[in-house]
Amino acid sequence: MTASEIMSREVYTVYPDTPVADVVKLMIEKRISGVPVISRQGDVIGIISEGDLLFKDKDLRYPSFISLLGGMIYLESPKRFAEEFRKSIALRAEEIMTGDVITVEEEARVSEMAGLMTEQQVNRLPVLRNGKLVGIVTRADILRALVTDFE
């Protein structure tokens, strides 16, 4: 089976300037756990998941460090802290989205998509045709395909 056979063709999307509050409302109303962020030209430029939105309510903790000879040695990643901080104060989709979107083409096989999802730890894959969004495959879609294979 391929992405085009199992994908959802009705994909809810948001624009970079969509307020985060509107993204949350959309996800709750449509009962979806993630939404692609697209440019006005229809290019996928990011994705927002429930995990991204949880940073809005997370207690941030400055990374621990050791002071040594006038310098600081961080025991935790300052880069990760900066990313969490950025997402916690986000007001628009572009400020909270994950920018490195893993996508697949319509011809991608279920095994390939399952591998991508597990290796990259993502729950959904936007499906593209000629660089434009035409669908989305979720983990649930993969599981349904696997059940069909077993029957």
N, C-alpha and C. Protein backbone atom coordinates (compact mmCIF):
# COMPACT_ATOMS: atom_id res chain seq x y z
N MET A 1 0.84 -1.18 0.00
CA MET A 1 0.00 0.00 0.00
C MET A 1 0.88 1.25 0.00
N THR A 2 0.33 2.31 -0.53
CA THR A 2 1.08 3.57 -0.62
C THR A 2 0.36 4.68 0.15
N ALA A 3 1.07 5.79 0.32
CA ALA A 3 0.51 6.94 1.02
C ALA A 3 -0.80 7.39 0.40
N SER A 4 -0.86 7.40 -0.93
CA SER A 4 -2.09 7.88 -1.59
C SER A 4 -3.30 6.99 -1.29
N GLU A 5 -3.05 5.74 -0.93
CA GLU A 5 -4.15 4.81 -0.64
C GLU A 5 -4.66 4.92 0.80
N ILE A 6 -3.82 5.40 1.70
CA ILE A 6 -4.24 5.42 3.11
C ILE A 6 -4.34 6.82 3.72
N MET A 7 -3.90 7.84 3.00
CA MET A 7 -3.85 9.20 3.56
C MET A 7 -5.25 9.80 3.71
N SER A 8 -5.34 10.75 4.62
CA SER A 8 -6.54 11.59 4.73
C SER A 8 -6.36 12.72 3.73
N ARG A 9 -7.34 12.90 2.89
CA ARG A 9 -7.24 13.94 1.86
C ARG A 9 -7.72 15.31 2.37
N GLU A 10 -8.55 15.29 3.38
CA GLU A 10 -9.00 16.55 3.98
C GLU A 10 -7.99 16.91 5.08
N VAL A 11 -7.12 17.86 4.77
CA VAL A 11 -6.07 18.25 5.69
C VAL A 11 -6.35 19.66 6.18
N TYR A 12 -6.44 19.80 7.49
CA TYR A 12 -6.61 21.13 8.08
C TYR A 12 -5.22 21.75 8.19
N THR A 13 -5.10 23.00 7.77
CA THR A 13 -3.81 23.68 7.78
C THR A 13 -3.97 25.06 8.41
N VAL A 14 -2.84 25.64 8.76
CA VAL A 14 -2.82 27.02 9.25
C VAL A 14 -1.70 27.76 8.53
N TYR A 15 -1.77 29.08 8.60
CA TYR A 15 -0.73 29.92 8.01
C TYR A 15 0.25 30.35 9.10
N PRO A 16 1.42 30.82 8.73
CA PRO A 16 2.42 31.23 9.73
C PRO A 16 1.91 32.29 10.70
N ASP A 17 1.04 33.18 10.23
CA ASP A 17 0.56 34.26 11.09
C ASP A 17 -0.71 33.91 11.87
N THR A 18 -1.16 32.66 11.79
CA THR A 18 -2.33 32.23 12.55
C THR A 18 -2.02 32.30 14.04
N PRO A 19 -2.88 32.96 14.83
CA PRO A 19 -2.65 33.00 16.28
C PRO A 19 -2.65 31.59 16.88
N VAL A 20 -1.77 31.36 17.85
CA VAL A 20 -1.67 30.05 18.49
C VAL A 20 -3.03 29.64 19.08
N ALA A 21 -3.75 30.59 19.64
CA ALA A 21 -5.07 30.28 20.21
C ALA A 21 -6.00 29.69 19.15
N ASP A 22 -5.93 30.20 17.93
CA ASP A 22 -6.75 29.67 16.84
C ASP A 22 -6.30 28.27 16.43
N VAL A 23 -5.01 28.02 16.49
CA VAL A 23 -4.49 26.68 16.19
C VAL A 23 -5.04 25.68 17.20
N VAL A 24 -5.00 26.05 18.47
CA VAL A 24 -5.52 25.17 19.53
C VAL A 24 -7.01 24.90 19.31
N LYS A 25 -7.77 25.95 19.03
CA LYS A 25 -9.21 25.79 18.79
C LYS A 25 -9.48 24.84 17.62
N LEU A 26 -8.74 25.01 16.54
CA LEU A 26 -8.90 24.15 15.36
C LEU A 26 -8.63 22.69 15.71
N MET A 27 -7.54 22.46 16.43
CA MET A 27 -7.17 21.09 16.76
C MET A 27 -8.21 20.45 17.69
N ILE A 28 -8.76 21.22 18.60
CA ILE A 28 -9.78 20.68 19.50
C ILE A 28 -11.08 20.43 18.74
N GLU A 29 -11.52 21.40 17.95
CA GLU A 29 -12.77 21.26 17.20
C GLU A 29 -12.73 20.11 16.20
N LYS A 30 -11.62 19.94 15.53
CA LYS A 30 -11.50 18.91 14.50
C LYS A 30 -10.97 17.58 15.05
N ARG A 31 -10.63 17.58 16.35
CA ARG A 31 -10.11 16.37 17.01
C ARG A 31 -8.89 15.81 16.28
N ILE A 32 -7.95 16.70 16.05
CA ILE A 32 -6.70 16.31 15.41
C ILE A 32 -5.54 16.64 16.37
N SER A 33 -4.44 15.92 16.21
CA SER A 33 -3.32 16.10 17.13
C SER A 33 -2.16 16.88 16.51
N GLY A 34 -2.33 17.31 15.29
CA GLY A 34 -1.29 18.09 14.64
C GLY A 34 -1.81 18.75 13.38
N VAL A 35 -1.14 19.80 12.97
CA VAL A 35 -1.59 20.55 11.81
C VAL A 35 -0.39 21.12 11.05
N PRO A 36 -0.35 20.93 9.73
CA PRO A 36 0.72 21.53 8.94
C PRO A 36 0.57 23.05 8.86
N VAL A 37 1.70 23.73 8.80
CA VAL A 37 1.73 25.17 8.59
C VAL A 37 2.16 25.37 7.14
N ILE A 38 1.34 26.09 6.38
CA ILE A 38 1.65 26.29 4.96
C ILE A 38 1.82 27.77 4.64
N SER A 39 2.63 28.03 3.62
CA SER A 39 2.79 29.40 3.14
C SER A 39 1.55 29.76 2.33
N ARG A 40 1.44 31.02 1.98
CA ARG A 40 0.29 31.47 1.16
C ARG A 40 0.32 30.82 -0.23
N GLN A 41 1.50 30.31 -0.64
CA GLN A 41 1.62 29.63 -1.93
C GLN A 41 1.31 28.13 -1.81
N GLY A 42 1.04 27.66 -0.59
CA GLY A 42 0.67 26.27 -0.39
C GLY A 42 1.83 25.33 -0.07
N ASP A 43 3.02 25.88 0.19
CA ASP A 43 4.16 25.05 0.54
C ASP A 43 4.14 24.73 2.03
N VAL A 44 4.45 23.49 2.38
CA VAL A 44 4.52 23.09 3.79
C VAL A 44 5.83 23.66 4.36
N ILE A 45 5.68 24.52 5.38
CA ILE A 45 6.87 25.14 5.96
C ILE A 45 7.07 24.77 7.43
N GLY A 46 6.11 24.06 8.00
CA GLY A 46 6.22 23.66 9.39
C GLY A 46 5.08 22.75 9.78
N ILE A 47 5.12 22.31 11.02
CA ILE A 47 4.05 21.48 11.55
C ILE A 47 3.93 21.77 13.04
N ILE A 48 2.72 21.76 13.53
CA ILE A 48 2.47 21.98 14.95
C ILE A 48 1.78 20.74 15.50
N SER A 49 2.33 20.20 16.57
CA SER A 49 1.73 19.04 17.22
C SER A 49 1.27 19.41 18.62
N GLU A 50 0.54 18.51 19.24
CA GLU A 50 0.13 18.73 20.62
C GLU A 50 1.36 18.95 21.49
N GLY A 51 2.43 18.22 21.21
CA GLY A 51 3.66 18.37 21.97
C GLY A 51 4.22 19.78 21.91
N ASP A 52 4.15 20.41 20.74
CA ASP A 52 4.61 21.79 20.61
C ASP A 52 3.77 22.72 21.49
N LEU A 53 2.47 22.48 21.51
CA LEU A 53 1.56 23.35 22.26
C LEU A 53 1.69 23.18 23.77
N LEU A 54 2.14 22.03 24.21
CA LEU A 54 2.31 21.80 25.65
C LEU A 54 3.36 22.73 26.25
N PHE A 55 4.28 23.23 25.43
CA PHE A 55 5.31 24.15 25.93
C PHE A 55 4.69 25.44 26.44
N LYS A 56 3.48 25.77 25.97
CA LYS A 56 2.82 27.00 26.42
C LYS A 56 2.52 26.95 27.91
N ASP A 57 2.36 25.76 28.46
CA ASP A 57 1.97 25.63 29.86
C ASP A 57 3.05 24.96 30.72
N LYS A 58 4.21 24.73 30.15
CA LYS A 58 5.28 24.04 30.85
C LYS A 58 6.06 25.02 31.74
N ASP A 59 6.42 24.55 32.92
CA ASP A 59 7.31 25.33 33.77
C ASP A 59 8.72 25.20 33.20
N LEU A 60 9.29 26.32 32.81
CA LEU A 60 10.64 26.30 32.25
C LEU A 60 11.67 26.34 33.37
N ARG A 61 12.74 25.63 33.15
CA ARG A 61 13.82 25.57 34.13
C ARG A 61 15.12 25.89 33.41
N TYR A 62 15.80 26.91 33.91
CA TYR A 62 17.08 27.30 33.32
C TYR A 62 18.05 26.13 33.45
N PRO A 63 18.84 25.84 32.41
CA PRO A 63 19.74 24.69 32.46
C PRO A 63 20.78 24.82 33.57
N SER A 64 21.04 23.72 34.25
CA SER A 64 22.05 23.69 35.31
C SER A 64 23.44 23.86 34.69
N PHE A 65 24.33 24.47 35.48
CA PHE A 65 25.69 24.68 35.00
C PHE A 65 26.67 24.68 36.17
N ILE A 66 27.93 24.54 35.84
CA ILE A 66 29.01 24.62 36.81
C ILE A 66 29.89 25.79 36.37
N SER A 67 30.26 26.62 37.34
CA SER A 67 31.16 27.72 37.05
C SER A 67 32.58 27.24 37.32
N LEU A 68 33.42 27.38 36.32
CA LEU A 68 34.79 26.89 36.46
C LEU A 68 35.75 27.86 35.78
N LEU A 69 36.68 28.39 36.52
CA LEU A 69 37.70 29.30 35.99
C LEU A 69 37.09 30.45 35.18
N GLY A 70 36.02 31.02 35.70
CA GLY A 70 35.39 32.16 35.04
C GLY A 70 34.48 31.80 33.88
N GLY A 71 34.33 30.53 33.60
CA GLY A 71 33.45 30.10 32.51
C GLY A 71 32.32 29.25 33.04
N MET A 72 31.40 28.90 32.18
CA MET A 72 30.26 28.06 32.58
C MET A 72 30.27 26.78 31.75
N ILE A 73 30.07 25.69 32.44
CA ILE A 73 29.92 24.40 31.77
C ILE A 73 28.48 23.96 32.03
N TYR A 74 27.70 23.92 30.96
CA TYR A 74 26.29 23.55 31.09
C TYR A 74 26.15 22.04 31.25
N LEU A 75 25.31 21.65 32.19
CA LEU A 75 25.03 20.24 32.42
C LEU A 75 23.81 19.79 31.61
N GLU A 76 23.08 20.76 31.09
CA GLU A 76 21.92 20.50 30.23
C GLU A 76 22.05 21.41 29.03
N SER A 77 21.32 21.12 28.00
CA SER A 77 21.45 21.85 26.74
C SER A 77 20.82 23.24 26.80
N PRO A 78 21.64 24.31 26.68
CA PRO A 78 21.07 25.65 26.61
C PRO A 78 20.26 25.85 25.33
N LYS A 79 20.64 25.13 24.29
CA LYS A 79 19.92 25.24 23.02
C LYS A 79 18.49 24.71 23.19
N ARG A 80 18.35 23.60 23.91
CA ARG A 80 17.02 23.04 24.16
C ARG A 80 16.19 24.01 24.99
N PHE A 81 16.82 24.62 26.00
CA PHE A 81 16.12 25.61 26.81
C PHE A 81 15.62 26.76 25.94
N ALA A 82 16.47 27.25 25.05
CA ALA A 82 16.10 28.37 24.17
C ALA A 82 14.91 27.99 23.29
N GLU A 83 14.91 26.76 22.78
CA GLU A 83 13.80 26.29 21.94
C GLU A 83 12.51 26.20 22.75
N GLU A 84 12.60 25.66 23.97
CA GLU A 84 11.42 25.56 24.83
C GLU A 84 10.90 26.95 25.20
N PHE A 85 11.81 27.87 25.47
CA PHE A 85 11.42 29.23 25.81
C PHE A 85 10.71 29.89 24.63
N ARG A 86 11.28 29.73 23.43
CA ARG A 86 10.68 30.30 22.22
C ARG A 86 9.24 29.82 22.06
N LYS A 87 9.04 28.53 22.25
CA LYS A 87 7.70 27.97 22.08
C LYS A 87 6.76 28.41 23.20
N SER A 88 7.29 28.61 24.40
CA SER A 88 6.43 28.98 25.53
C SER A 88 5.87 30.38 25.41
N ILE A 89 6.54 31.27 24.68
CA ILE A 89 6.06 32.64 24.53
C ILE A 89 5.44 32.90 23.15
N ALA A 90 5.31 31.86 22.35
CA ALA A 90 4.80 32.00 20.98
C ALA A 90 3.38 32.55 20.96
N LEU A 91 3.13 33.43 20.01
CA LEU A 91 1.79 33.97 19.80
C LEU A 91 1.24 33.56 18.44
N ARG A 92 2.13 33.26 17.50
CA ARG A 92 1.70 32.89 16.15
C ARG A 92 2.25 31.51 15.79
N ALA A 93 1.62 30.89 14.82
CA ALA A 93 1.99 29.54 14.40
C ALA A 93 3.47 29.42 14.07
N GLU A 94 4.02 30.38 13.35
CA GLU A 94 5.42 30.30 12.94
C GLU A 94 6.38 30.32 14.11
N GLU A 95 5.93 30.81 15.27
CA GLU A 95 6.80 30.89 16.44
C GLU A 95 6.80 29.60 17.26
N ILE A 96 5.81 28.76 17.06
CA ILE A 96 5.71 27.53 17.85
C ILE A 96 5.91 26.26 17.00
N MET A 97 5.83 26.41 15.69
CA MET A 97 5.91 25.24 14.80
C MET A 97 7.30 24.62 14.81
N THR A 98 7.33 23.36 14.44
CA THR A 98 8.59 22.68 14.15
C THR A 98 8.85 22.89 12.67
N GLY A 99 10.00 23.45 12.35
CA GLY A 99 10.28 23.83 10.97
C GLY A 99 10.79 22.72 10.07
N ASP A 100 11.45 21.74 10.64
CA ASP A 100 12.00 20.65 9.83
C ASP A 100 10.93 19.57 9.66
N VAL A 101 10.12 19.74 8.64
CA VAL A 101 8.99 18.83 8.42
C VAL A 101 9.44 17.64 7.58
N ILE A 102 9.12 16.46 8.07
CA ILE A 102 9.41 15.24 7.32
C ILE A 102 8.16 14.94 6.51
N THR A 103 8.33 14.90 5.20
CA THR A 103 7.20 14.67 4.30
C THR A 103 7.47 13.43 3.45
N VAL A 104 6.42 12.96 2.80
CA VAL A 104 6.56 11.84 1.85
C VAL A 104 5.80 12.18 0.58
N GLU A 105 6.14 11.49 -0.47
CA GLU A 105 5.41 11.60 -1.73
C GLU A 105 4.28 10.58 -1.72
N GLU A 106 3.33 10.74 -2.62
CA GLU A 106 2.17 9.84 -2.69
C GLU A 106 2.55 8.37 -2.89
N GLU A 107 3.68 8.13 -3.52
CA GLU A 107 4.08 6.75 -3.83
C GLU A 107 4.79 6.05 -2.67
N ALA A 108 5.01 6.76 -1.56
CA ALA A 108 5.72 6.16 -0.42
C ALA A 108 4.96 4.95 0.09
N ARG A 109 5.69 3.88 0.36
CA ARG A 109 5.09 2.63 0.83
C ARG A 109 4.87 2.70 2.34
N VAL A 110 3.92 1.92 2.83
CA VAL A 110 3.59 1.90 4.25
C VAL A 110 4.82 1.57 5.09
N SER A 111 5.61 0.61 4.65
CA SER A 111 6.81 0.22 5.41
C SER A 111 7.79 1.39 5.53
N GLU A 112 7.93 2.15 4.45
CA GLU A 112 8.81 3.33 4.46
C GLU A 112 8.29 4.38 5.44
N MET A 113 6.99 4.62 5.42
CA MET A 113 6.40 5.62 6.31
C MET A 113 6.48 5.18 7.77
N ALA A 114 6.25 3.90 8.02
CA ALA A 114 6.36 3.38 9.39
C ALA A 114 7.78 3.55 9.90
N GLY A 115 8.74 3.29 9.04
CA GLY A 115 10.14 3.46 9.41
C GLY A 115 10.48 4.91 9.73
N LEU A 116 10.01 5.82 8.89
CA LEU A 116 10.24 7.24 9.13
C LEU A 116 9.64 7.69 10.46
N MET A 117 8.41 7.24 10.70
CA MET A 117 7.73 7.66 11.94
C MET A 117 8.46 7.17 13.18
N THR A 118 8.94 5.95 13.14
CA THR A 118 9.63 5.42 14.32
C THR A 118 11.04 6.02 14.46
N GLU A 119 11.76 6.11 13.37
CA GLU A 119 13.13 6.64 13.42
C GLU A 119 13.16 8.13 13.76
N GLN A 120 12.24 8.88 13.21
CA GLN A 120 12.23 10.34 13.40
C GLN A 120 11.32 10.78 14.56
N GLN A 121 10.62 9.82 15.15
CA GLN A 121 9.71 10.08 16.27
C GLN A 121 8.67 11.15 15.93
N VAL A 122 7.99 10.92 14.80
CA VAL A 122 6.90 11.80 14.39
C VAL A 122 5.61 11.00 14.33
N ASN A 123 4.50 11.68 14.49
CA ASN A 123 3.20 11.01 14.51
C ASN A 123 2.41 11.20 13.22
N ARG A 124 2.89 12.07 12.36
CA ARG A 124 2.17 12.34 11.11
C ARG A 124 3.15 12.74 10.02
N LEU A 125 2.77 12.42 8.80
CA LEU A 125 3.61 12.75 7.64
C LEU A 125 2.76 13.45 6.59
N PRO A 126 3.01 14.73 6.32
CA PRO A 126 2.32 15.38 5.21
C PRO A 126 2.70 14.68 3.90
N VAL A 127 1.74 14.52 3.03
CA VAL A 127 1.94 13.85 1.75
C VAL A 127 1.93 14.92 0.65
N LEU A 128 2.97 14.90 -0.18
CA LEU A 128 3.12 15.91 -1.23
C LEU A 128 3.00 15.31 -2.62
N ARG A 129 2.51 16.15 -3.53
CA ARG A 129 2.52 15.85 -4.97
C ARG A 129 3.07 17.10 -5.64
N ASN A 130 4.18 16.95 -6.32
CA ASN A 130 4.85 18.10 -6.97
C ASN A 130 5.11 19.22 -5.96
N GLY A 131 5.47 18.85 -4.74
CA GLY A 131 5.81 19.83 -3.72
C GLY A 131 4.64 20.46 -3.00
N LYS A 132 3.42 20.09 -3.36
CA LYS A 132 2.22 20.67 -2.73
C LYS A 132 1.51 19.62 -1.88
N LEU A 133 0.92 20.07 -0.79
CA LEU A 133 0.23 19.21 0.16
C LEU A 133 -1.04 18.63 -0.45
N VAL A 134 -1.17 17.30 -0.42
CA VAL A 134 -2.37 16.64 -0.94
C VAL A 134 -3.01 15.71 0.08
N GLY A 135 -2.34 15.50 1.21
CA GLY A 135 -2.89 14.62 2.23
C GLY A 135 -1.98 14.53 3.43
N ILE A 136 -2.40 13.71 4.38
CA ILE A 136 -1.58 13.48 5.57
C ILE A 136 -1.78 12.04 6.03
N VAL A 137 -0.70 11.43 6.46
CA VAL A 137 -0.74 10.06 6.98
C VAL A 137 -0.37 10.12 8.45
N THR A 138 -1.21 9.53 9.29
CA THR A 138 -0.95 9.48 10.73
C THR A 138 -0.58 8.06 11.13
N ARG A 139 -0.16 7.90 12.37
CA ARG A 139 0.15 6.57 12.87
C ARG A 139 -1.09 5.68 12.82
N ALA A 140 -2.26 6.27 13.08
CA ALA A 140 -3.50 5.49 13.02
C ALA A 140 -3.74 4.96 11.60
N ASP A 141 -3.42 5.75 10.58
CA ASP A 141 -3.57 5.30 9.19
C ASP A 141 -2.65 4.11 8.92
N ILE A 142 -1.43 4.18 9.44
CA ILE A 142 -0.47 3.07 9.27
C ILE A 142 -1.01 1.81 9.95
N LEU A 143 -1.52 1.96 11.16
CA LEU A 143 -2.06 0.80 11.88
C LEU A 143 -3.25 0.19 11.15
N ARG A 144 -4.13 1.03 10.61
CA ARG A 144 -5.26 0.51 9.83
C ARG A 144 -4.78 -0.27 8.61
N ALA A 145 -3.73 0.23 7.96
CA ALA A 145 -3.16 -0.46 6.80
C ALA A 145 -2.58 -1.81 7.21
N LEU A 146 -1.93 -1.84 8.37
CA LEU A 146 -1.33 -3.09 8.85
C LEU A 146 -2.42 -4.11 9.19
N VAL A 147 -3.51 -3.68 9.78
CA VAL A 147 -4.62 -4.58 10.10
C VAL A 147 -5.19 -5.16 8.81
N THR A 148 -5.31 -4.33 7.78
CA THR A 148 -5.83 -4.81 6.49
C THR A 148 -4.89 -5.85 5.92
N ASP A 149 -3.58 -5.67 6.08
CA ASP A 149 -2.61 -6.65 5.58
C ASP A 149 -2.74 -7.98 6.30
N PHE A 150 -3.12 -7.96 7.59
CA PHE A 150 -3.21 -9.19 8.38
C PHE A 150 -4.49 -9.95 8.11
N GLU A 151 -5.51 -9.30 7.57
CA GLU A 151 -6.80 -9.97 7.35
C GLU A 151 -6.79 -10.82 6.11
